[in-house]
Amino acid sequence: MFPKKNRVLVEHVHIIKRHTRPNPQKQIKGGIAEKEAPINISNVQLICPTCNAPRRSGIQLLTDGRQAAHFARSAPRYWDKA
């Protein structure tokens, strides 16, 4: 995670190709190198543990005054917002 830039690194999602020139002094081979790049955190969803599908989450105020997060379009399942 990169919280200051609002970006997150997700495996096998945003693969970029970097073209490198060979440099024998630094022992670098030339060619096309693939590496993962971060994506915006707004493009990431949590996976609901009950239905095992990506779902939007929300925050709800409980009766005792605590905030709890929940999944939309799913069985009511809450967890404490940390």
PDB file of N, CA and C in Angstrom:
ATOM      1  N   MET A   1       0.829  -1.184   0.000  1.00  0.00           N
ATOM      2  CA  MET A   1       0.000   0.000   0.000  1.00  0.00           C
ATOM      3  C   MET A   1       0.871   1.244   0.000  1.00  0.00           C
ATOM      4  N   PHE A   2       0.380   2.243  -0.697  1.00  0.00           N
ATOM      5  CA  PHE A   2       1.015   3.553  -0.720  1.00  0.00           C
ATOM      6  C   PHE A   2      -0.042   4.571  -0.292  1.00  0.00           C
ATOM      7  N   PRO A   3      -0.256   4.754   1.029  1.00  0.00           N
ATOM      8  CA  PRO A   3      -1.384   5.575   1.478  1.00  0.00           C
ATOM      9  C   PRO A   3      -1.287   7.043   1.096  1.00  0.00           C
ATOM     10  N   LYS A   4      -0.096   7.591   0.984  1.00  0.00           N
ATOM     11  CA  LYS A   4       0.020   9.006   0.626  1.00  0.00           C
ATOM     12  C   LYS A   4      -0.398   9.262  -0.818  1.00  0.00           C
ATOM     13  N   LYS A   5      -0.247   8.254  -1.659  1.00  0.00           N
ATOM     14  CA  LYS A   5      -0.611   8.395  -3.073  1.00  0.00           C
ATOM     15  C   LYS A   5      -1.966   7.753  -3.392  1.00  0.00           C
ATOM     16  N   ASN A   6      -2.641   7.166  -2.382  1.00  0.00           N
ATOM     17  CA  ASN A   6      -3.925   6.469  -2.564  1.00  0.00           C
ATOM     18  C   ASN A   6      -3.814   5.361  -3.609  1.00  0.00           C
ATOM     19  N   ARG A   7      -2.739   4.596  -3.537  1.00  0.00           N
ATOM     20  CA  ARG A   7      -2.525   3.515  -4.485  1.00  0.00           C
ATOM     21  C   ARG A   7      -2.197   2.229  -3.734  1.00  0.00           C
ATOM     22  N   VAL A   8      -2.464   1.110  -4.375  1.00  0.00           N
ATOM     23  CA  VAL A   8      -2.218  -0.196  -3.785  1.00  0.00           C
ATOM     24  C   VAL A   8      -1.666  -1.120  -4.862  1.00  0.00           C
ATOM     25  N   LEU A   9      -0.820  -2.060  -4.451  1.00  0.00           N
ATOM     26  CA  LEU A   9      -0.206  -3.003  -5.376  1.00  0.00           C
ATOM     27  C   LEU A   9      -0.937  -4.338  -5.259  1.00  0.00           C
ATOM     28  N   VAL A  10      -1.555  -4.777  -6.346  1.00  0.00           N
ATOM     29  CA  VAL A  10      -2.302  -6.037  -6.380  1.00  0.00           C
ATOM     30  C   VAL A  10      -1.597  -6.970  -7.346  1.00  0.00           C
ATOM     31  N   GLU A  11      -1.408  -8.219  -6.917  1.00  0.00           N
ATOM     32  CA  GLU A  11      -0.676  -9.182  -7.742  1.00  0.00           C
ATOM     33  C   GLU A  11      -1.438  -9.498  -9.028  1.00  0.00           C
ATOM     34  N   HIS A  12      -0.721  -9.559 -10.119  1.00  0.00           N
ATOM     35  CA  HIS A  12      -1.218  -9.987 -11.438  1.00  0.00           C
ATOM     36  C   HIS A  12      -2.370  -9.127 -11.958  1.00  0.00           C
ATOM     37  N   VAL A  13      -2.425  -7.861 -11.592  1.00  0.00           N
ATOM     38  CA  VAL A  13      -3.516  -7.017 -12.066  1.00  0.00           C
ATOM     39  C   VAL A  13      -3.028  -5.980 -13.068  1.00  0.00           C
ATOM     40  N   HIS A  14      -2.034  -5.205 -12.719  1.00  0.00           N
ATOM     41  CA  HIS A  14      -1.558  -4.130 -13.579  1.00  0.00           C
ATOM     42  C   HIS A  14      -0.096  -4.389 -13.931  1.00  0.00           C
ATOM     43  N   ILE A  15       0.124  -5.149 -14.979  1.00  0.00           N
ATOM     44  CA  ILE A  15       1.470  -5.507 -15.415  1.00  0.00           C
ATOM     45  C   ILE A  15       1.904  -4.505 -16.484  1.00  0.00           C
ATOM     46  N   ILE A  16       3.057  -3.875 -16.262  1.00  0.00           N
ATOM     47  CA  ILE A  16       3.593  -2.952 -17.251  1.00  0.00           C
ATOM     48  C   ILE A  16       4.869  -3.536 -17.832  1.00  0.00           C
ATOM     49  N   LYS A  17       5.217  -3.079 -19.019  1.00  0.00           N
ATOM     50  CA  LYS A  17       6.437  -3.550 -19.684  1.00  0.00           C
ATOM     51  C   LYS A  17       7.432  -2.409 -19.730  1.00  0.00           C
ATOM     52  N   ARG A  18       8.642  -2.685 -19.296  1.00  0.00           N
ATOM     53  CA  ARG A  18       9.706  -1.686 -19.253  1.00  0.00           C
ATOM     54  C   ARG A  18      10.784  -2.117 -20.233  1.00  0.00           C
ATOM     55  N   HIS A  19      11.056  -1.296 -21.224  1.00  0.00           N
ATOM     56  CA  HIS A  19      12.088  -1.583 -22.212  1.00  0.00           C
ATOM     57  C   HIS A  19      13.427  -1.073 -21.673  1.00  0.00           C
ATOM     58  N   THR A  20      14.386  -1.988 -21.520  1.00  0.00           N
ATOM     59  CA  THR A  20      15.688  -1.606 -20.966  1.00  0.00           C
ATOM     60  C   THR A  20      16.778  -1.831 -22.000  1.00  0.00           C
ATOM     61  N   ARG A  21      17.742  -0.960 -21.971  1.00  0.00           N
ATOM     62  CA  ARG A  21      18.896  -1.053 -22.855  1.00  0.00           C
ATOM     63  C   ARG A  21      19.993  -1.819 -22.113  1.00  0.00           C
ATOM     64  N   PRO A  22      20.720  -2.687 -22.790  1.00  0.00           N
ATOM     65  CA  PRO A  22      21.783  -3.428 -22.108  1.00  0.00           C
ATOM     66  C   PRO A  22      22.911  -2.504 -21.645  1.00  0.00           C
ATOM     67  N   ASN A  23      23.428  -2.779 -20.459  1.00  0.00           N
ATOM     68  CA  ASN A  23      24.531  -2.011 -19.897  1.00  0.00           C
ATOM     69  C   ASN A  23      25.529  -2.996 -19.291  1.00  0.00           C
ATOM     70  N   PRO A  24      26.608  -3.338 -20.006  1.00  0.00           N
ATOM     71  CA  PRO A  24      27.555  -4.334 -19.505  1.00  0.00           C
ATOM     72  C   PRO A  24      28.307  -3.883 -18.251  1.00  0.00           C
ATOM     73  N   GLN A  25      28.463  -2.590 -18.033  1.00  0.00           N
ATOM     74  CA  GLN A  25      29.175  -2.123 -16.844  1.00  0.00           C
ATOM     75  C   GLN A  25      28.401  -2.419 -15.563  1.00  0.00           C
ATOM     76  N   LYS A  26      27.074  -2.348 -15.629  1.00  0.00           N
ATOM     77  CA  LYS A  26      26.240  -2.592 -14.443  1.00  0.00           C
ATOM     78  C   LYS A  26      25.629  -3.992 -14.444  1.00  0.00           C
ATOM     79  N   GLN A  27      26.059  -4.847 -15.359  1.00  0.00           N
ATOM     80  CA  GLN A  27      25.570  -6.220 -15.467  1.00  0.00           C
ATOM     81  C   GLN A  27      24.055  -6.261 -15.705  1.00  0.00           C
ATOM     82  N   ILE A  28      23.561  -5.375 -16.563  1.00  0.00           N
ATOM     83  CA  ILE A  28      22.132  -5.329 -16.875  1.00  0.00           C
ATOM     84  C   ILE A  28      21.925  -5.862 -18.281  1.00  0.00           C
ATOM     85  N   LYS A  29      21.057  -6.868 -18.398  1.00  0.00           N
ATOM     86  CA  LYS A  29      20.706  -7.393 -19.709  1.00  0.00           C
ATOM     87  C   LYS A  29      19.616  -6.518 -20.313  1.00  0.00           C
ATOM     88  N   GLY A  30      19.642  -6.392 -21.597  1.00  0.00           N
ATOM     89  CA  GLY A  30      18.626  -5.613 -22.281  1.00  0.00           C
ATOM     90  C   GLY A  30      17.408  -6.457 -22.587  1.00  0.00           C
ATOM     91  N   GLY A  31      16.333  -5.812 -22.950  1.00  0.00           N
ATOM     92  CA  GLY A  31      15.118  -6.519 -23.320  1.00  0.00           C
ATOM     93  C   GLY A  31      13.891  -5.872 -22.709  1.00  0.00           C
ATOM     94  N   ILE A  32      12.824  -6.629 -22.684  1.00  0.00           N
ATOM     95  CA  ILE A  32      11.562  -6.145 -22.147  1.00  0.00           C
ATOM     96  C   ILE A  32      11.330  -6.825 -20.801  1.00  0.00           C
ATOM     97  N   ALA A  33      11.249  -6.020 -19.755  1.00  0.00           N
ATOM     98  CA  ALA A  33      11.012  -6.539 -18.410  1.00  0.00           C
ATOM     99  C   ALA A  33       9.585  -6.207 -17.992  1.00  0.00           C
ATOM    100  N   GLU A  34       8.881  -7.196 -17.437  1.00  0.00           N
ATOM    101  CA  GLU A  34       7.524  -6.974 -16.949  1.00  0.00           C
ATOM    102  C   GLU A  34       7.558  -6.811 -15.443  1.00  0.00           C
ATOM    103  N   LYS A  35       6.809  -5.828 -14.949  1.00  0.00           N
ATOM    104  CA  LYS A  35       6.704  -5.659 -13.507  1.00  0.00           C
ATOM    105  C   LYS A  35       5.315  -5.143 -13.170  1.00  0.00           C
ATOM    106  N   GLU A  36       4.931  -5.315 -11.907  1.00  0.00           N
ATOM    107  CA  GLU A  36       3.610  -4.901 -11.463  1.00  0.00           C
ATOM    108  C   GLU A  36       3.633  -3.441 -11.057  1.00  0.00           C
ATOM    109  N   ALA A  37       2.557  -2.748 -11.362  1.00  0.00           N
ATOM    110  CA  ALA A  37       2.439  -1.339 -11.019  1.00  0.00           C
ATOM    111  C   ALA A  37       1.227  -1.154 -10.108  1.00  0.00           C
ATOM    112  N   PRO A  38       1.255  -0.144  -9.248  1.00  0.00           N
ATOM    113  CA  PRO A  38       0.122   0.080  -8.355  1.00  0.00           C
ATOM    114  C   PRO A  38      -1.089   0.653  -9.090  1.00  0.00           C
ATOM    115  N   ILE A  39      -2.286   0.391  -8.540  1.00  0.00           N
ATOM    116  CA  ILE A  39      -3.527   0.935  -9.071  1.00  0.00           C
ATOM    117  C   ILE A  39      -4.169   1.797  -7.994  1.00  0.00           C
ATOM    118  N   ASN A  40      -5.129   2.592  -8.377  1.00  0.00           N
ATOM    119  CA  ASN A  40      -5.808   3.467  -7.433  1.00  0.00           C
ATOM    120  C   ASN A  40      -6.630   2.629  -6.464  1.00  0.00           C
ATOM    121  N   ILE A  41      -6.660   3.055  -5.215  1.00  0.00           N
ATOM    122  CA  ILE A  41      -7.340   2.280  -4.175  1.00  0.00           C
ATOM    123  C   ILE A  41      -8.848   2.263  -4.385  1.00  0.00           C
ATOM    124  N   SER A  42      -9.381   3.217  -5.144  1.00  0.00           N
ATOM    125  CA  SER A  42     -10.819   3.238  -5.405  1.00  0.00           C
ATOM    126  C   SER A  42     -11.231   2.127  -6.373  1.00  0.00           C
ATOM    127  N   ASN A  43     -10.271   1.527  -7.060  1.00  0.00           N
ATOM    128  CA  ASN A  43     -10.566   0.446  -8.000  1.00  0.00           C
ATOM    129  C   ASN A  43     -10.462  -0.937  -7.374  1.00  0.00           C
ATOM    130  N   VAL A  44     -10.379  -1.006  -6.048  1.00  0.00           N
ATOM    131  CA  VAL A  44     -10.217  -2.279  -5.341  1.00  0.00           C
ATOM    132  C   VAL A  44     -11.445  -2.525  -4.482  1.00  0.00           C
ATOM    133  N   GLN A  45     -11.958  -3.751  -4.510  1.00  0.00           N
ATOM    134  CA  GLN A  45     -13.087  -4.135  -3.669  1.00  0.00           C
ATOM    135  C   GLN A  45     -12.680  -5.266  -2.747  1.00  0.00           C
ATOM    136  N   LEU A  46     -13.343  -5.340  -1.599  1.00  0.00           N
ATOM    137  CA  LEU A  46     -13.118  -6.431  -0.666  1.00  0.00           C
ATOM    138  C   LEU A  46     -13.916  -7.649  -1.111  1.00  0.00           C
ATOM    139  N   ILE A  47     -13.468  -8.832  -0.718  1.00  0.00           N
ATOM    140  CA  ILE A  47     -14.173 -10.063  -1.046  1.00  0.00           C
ATOM    141  C   ILE A  47     -14.974 -10.498   0.170  1.00  0.00           C
ATOM    142  N   CYS A  48     -16.266 -10.690  -0.030  1.00  0.00           N
ATOM    143  CA  CYS A  48     -17.175 -11.092   1.043  1.00  0.00           C
ATOM    144  C   CYS A  48     -16.880 -12.540   1.428  1.00  0.00           C
ATOM    145  N   PRO A  49     -16.673 -12.818   2.720  1.00  0.00           N
ATOM    146  CA  PRO A  49     -16.355 -14.192   3.117  1.00  0.00           C
ATOM    147  C   PRO A  49     -17.543 -15.148   3.017  1.00  0.00           C
ATOM    148  N   THR A  50     -18.785 -14.645   3.014  1.00  0.00           N
ATOM    149  CA  THR A  50     -19.932 -15.552   2.947  1.00  0.00           C
ATOM    150  C   THR A  50     -20.237 -15.995   1.524  1.00  0.00           C
ATOM    151  N   CYS A  51     -20.201 -15.058   0.563  1.00  0.00           N
ATOM    152  CA  CYS A  51     -20.541 -15.423  -0.809  1.00  0.00           C
ATOM    153  C   CYS A  51     -19.316 -15.524  -1.712  1.00  0.00           C
ATOM    154  N   ASN A  52     -18.126 -15.165  -1.203  1.00  0.00           N
ATOM    155  CA  ASN A  52     -16.861 -15.273  -1.926  1.00  0.00           C
ATOM    156  C   ASN A  52     -16.879 -14.497  -3.249  1.00  0.00           C
ATOM    157  N   ALA A  53     -17.469 -13.302  -3.208  1.00  0.00           N
ATOM    158  CA  ALA A  53     -17.538 -12.447  -4.390  1.00  0.00           C
ATOM    159  C   ALA A  53     -17.134 -11.032  -3.997  1.00  0.00           C
ATOM    160  N   PRO A  54     -16.626 -10.242  -4.945  1.00  0.00           N
ATOM    161  CA  PRO A  54     -16.279  -8.861  -4.613  1.00  0.00           C
ATOM    162  C   PRO A  54     -17.530  -8.047  -4.316  1.00  0.00           C
ATOM    163  N   ARG A  55     -17.516  -7.336  -3.210  1.00  0.00           N
ATOM    164  CA  ARG A  55     -18.662  -6.549  -2.780  1.00  0.00           C
ATOM    165  C   ARG A  55     -18.221  -5.177  -2.300  1.00  0.00           C
ATOM    166  N   ARG A  56     -19.115  -4.213  -2.406  1.00  0.00           N
ATOM    167  CA  ARG A  56     -18.872  -2.901  -1.830  1.00  0.00           C
ATOM    168  C   ARG A  56     -19.086  -2.982  -0.326  1.00  0.00           C
ATOM    169  N   SER A  57     -18.335  -2.186   0.407  1.00  0.00           N
ATOM    170  CA  SER A  57     -18.496  -2.167   1.855  1.00  0.00           C
ATOM    171  C   SER A  57     -18.933  -0.781   2.282  1.00  0.00           C
ATOM    172  N   GLY A  58     -19.567  -0.732   3.441  1.00  0.00           N
ATOM    173  CA  GLY A  58     -20.034   0.531   3.982  1.00  0.00           C
ATOM    174  C   GLY A  58     -19.791   0.581   5.474  1.00  0.00           C
ATOM    175  N   ILE A  59     -20.010   1.739   6.062  1.00  0.00           N
ATOM    176  CA  ILE A  59     -19.828   1.925   7.496  1.00  0.00           C
ATOM    177  C   ILE A  59     -21.172   2.270   8.095  1.00  0.00           C
ATOM    178  N   GLN A  60     -21.519   1.603   9.207  1.00  0.00           N
ATOM    179  CA  GLN A  60     -22.796   1.815   9.856  1.00  0.00           C
ATOM    180  C   GLN A  60     -22.572   2.081  11.333  1.00  0.00           C
ATOM    181  N   LEU A  61     -23.378   2.948  11.913  1.00  0.00           N
ATOM    182  CA  LEU A  61     -23.288   3.280  13.323  1.00  0.00           C
ATOM    183  C   LEU A  61     -24.158   2.299  14.096  1.00  0.00           C
ATOM    184  N   LEU A  62     -23.570   1.552  15.027  1.00  0.00           N
ATOM    185  CA  LEU A  62     -24.308   0.573  15.818  1.00  0.00           C
ATOM    186  C   LEU A  62     -25.029   1.260  16.978  1.00  0.00           C
ATOM    187  N   THR A  63     -25.903   0.513  17.657  1.00  0.00           N
ATOM    188  CA  THR A  63     -26.701   1.094  18.736  1.00  0.00           C
ATOM    189  C   THR A  63     -25.850   1.491  19.935  1.00  0.00           C
ATOM    190  N   ASP A  64     -24.712   0.823  20.140  1.00  0.00           N
ATOM    191  CA  ASP A  64     -23.859   1.167  21.284  1.00  0.00           C
ATOM    192  C   ASP A  64     -22.887   2.308  20.955  1.00  0.00           C
ATOM    193  N   GLY A  65     -22.974   2.898  19.765  1.00  0.00           N
ATOM    194  CA  GLY A  65     -22.157   4.048  19.412  1.00  0.00           C
ATOM    195  C   GLY A  65     -20.897   3.721  18.632  1.00  0.00           C
ATOM    196  N   ARG A  66     -20.585   2.441  18.457  1.00  0.00           N
ATOM    197  CA  ARG A  66     -19.395   2.060  17.704  1.00  0.00           C
ATOM    198  C   ARG A  66     -19.698   2.085  16.209  1.00  0.00           C
ATOM    199  N   GLN A  67     -18.643   2.253  15.428  1.00  0.00           N
ATOM    200  CA  GLN A  67     -18.770   2.160  13.982  1.00  0.00           C
ATOM    201  C   GLN A  67     -18.403   0.749  13.557  1.00  0.00           C
ATOM    202  N   ALA A  68     -19.184   0.200  12.636  1.00  0.00           N
ATOM    203  CA  ALA A  68     -18.896  -1.136  12.123  1.00  0.00           C
ATOM    204  C   ALA A  68     -19.017  -1.107  10.611  1.00  0.00           C
ATOM    205  N   ALA A  69     -18.167  -1.856   9.957  1.00  0.00           N
ATOM    206  CA  ALA A  69     -18.216  -1.966   8.501  1.00  0.00           C
ATOM    207  C   ALA A  69     -19.053  -3.184   8.127  1.00  0.00           C
ATOM    208  N   HIS A  70     -19.721  -3.108   6.985  1.00  0.00           N
ATOM    209  CA  HIS A  70     -20.550  -4.216   6.528  1.00  0.00           C
ATOM    210  C   HIS A  70     -20.479  -4.290   5.010  1.00  0.00           C
ATOM    211  N   PHE A  71     -20.876  -5.430   4.470  1.00  0.00           N
ATOM    212  CA  PHE A  71     -20.907  -5.625   3.027  1.00  0.00           C
ATOM    213  C   PHE A  71     -22.310  -5.336   2.521  1.00  0.00           C
ATOM    214  N   ALA A  72     -22.388  -4.646   1.395  1.00  0.00           N
ATOM    215  CA  ALA A  72     -23.678  -4.392   0.764  1.00  0.00           C
ATOM    216  C   ALA A  72     -24.103  -5.639  -0.011  1.00  0.00           C
ATOM    217  N   ARG A  73     -25.398  -5.846  -0.142  1.00  0.00           N
ATOM    218  CA  ARG A  73     -25.989  -6.975  -0.879  1.00  0.00           C
ATOM    219  C   ARG A  73     -25.526  -8.330  -0.342  1.00  0.00           C
ATOM    220  N   SER A  74     -25.435  -8.442   0.935  1.00  0.00           N
ATOM    221  CA  SER A  74     -25.000  -9.694   1.520  1.00  0.00           C
ATOM    222  C   SER A  74     -25.740  -9.870   2.839  1.00  0.00           C
ATOM    223  N   ALA A  75     -25.594 -11.035   3.424  1.00  0.00           N
ATOM    224  CA  ALA A  75     -26.182 -11.260   4.738  1.00  0.00           C
ATOM    225  C   ALA A  75     -25.557 -10.270   5.713  1.00  0.00           C
ATOM    226  N   PRO A  76     -26.307  -9.803   6.696  1.00  0.00           N
ATOM    227  CA  PRO A  76     -25.727  -8.802   7.615  1.00  0.00           C
ATOM    228  C   PRO A  76     -24.531  -9.378   8.392  1.00  0.00           C
ATOM    229  N   ARG A  77     -23.380  -8.936   8.047  1.00  0.00           N
ATOM    230  CA  ARG A  77     -22.155  -9.377   8.704  1.00  0.00           C
ATOM    231  C   ARG A  77     -21.334  -8.135   8.982  1.00  0.00           C
ATOM    232  N   TYR A  78     -21.030  -7.900  10.249  1.00  0.00           N
ATOM    233  CA  TYR A  78     -20.358  -6.683  10.662  1.00  0.00           C
ATOM    234  C   TYR A  78     -19.005  -7.028  11.246  1.00  0.00           C
ATOM    235  N   TRP A  79     -18.077  -6.095  11.150  1.00  0.00           N
ATOM    236  CA  TRP A  79     -16.806  -6.195  11.846  1.00  0.00           C
ATOM    237  C   TRP A  79     -16.426  -4.802  12.300  1.00  0.00           C
ATOM    238  N   ASP A  80     -15.669  -4.745  13.387  1.00  0.00           N
ATOM    239  CA  ASP A  80     -15.276  -3.463  13.943  1.00  0.00           C
ATOM    240  C   ASP A  80     -14.342  -2.751  12.991  1.00  0.00           C
ATOM    241  N   LYS A  81     -14.577  -1.465  12.832  1.00  0.00           N
ATOM    242  CA  LYS A  81     -13.724  -0.661  11.988  1.00  0.00           C
ATOM    243  C   LYS A  81     -12.476  -0.308  12.765  1.00  0.00           C
ATOM    244  N   ALA A  82     -11.329  -0.756  12.292  1.00  0.00           N
ATOM    245  CA  ALA A  82     -10.081  -0.499  12.999  1.00  0.00           C
ATOM    246  C   ALA A  82      -9.277   0.572  12.326  1.00  0.00           C
TER     247      ALA A  82
END
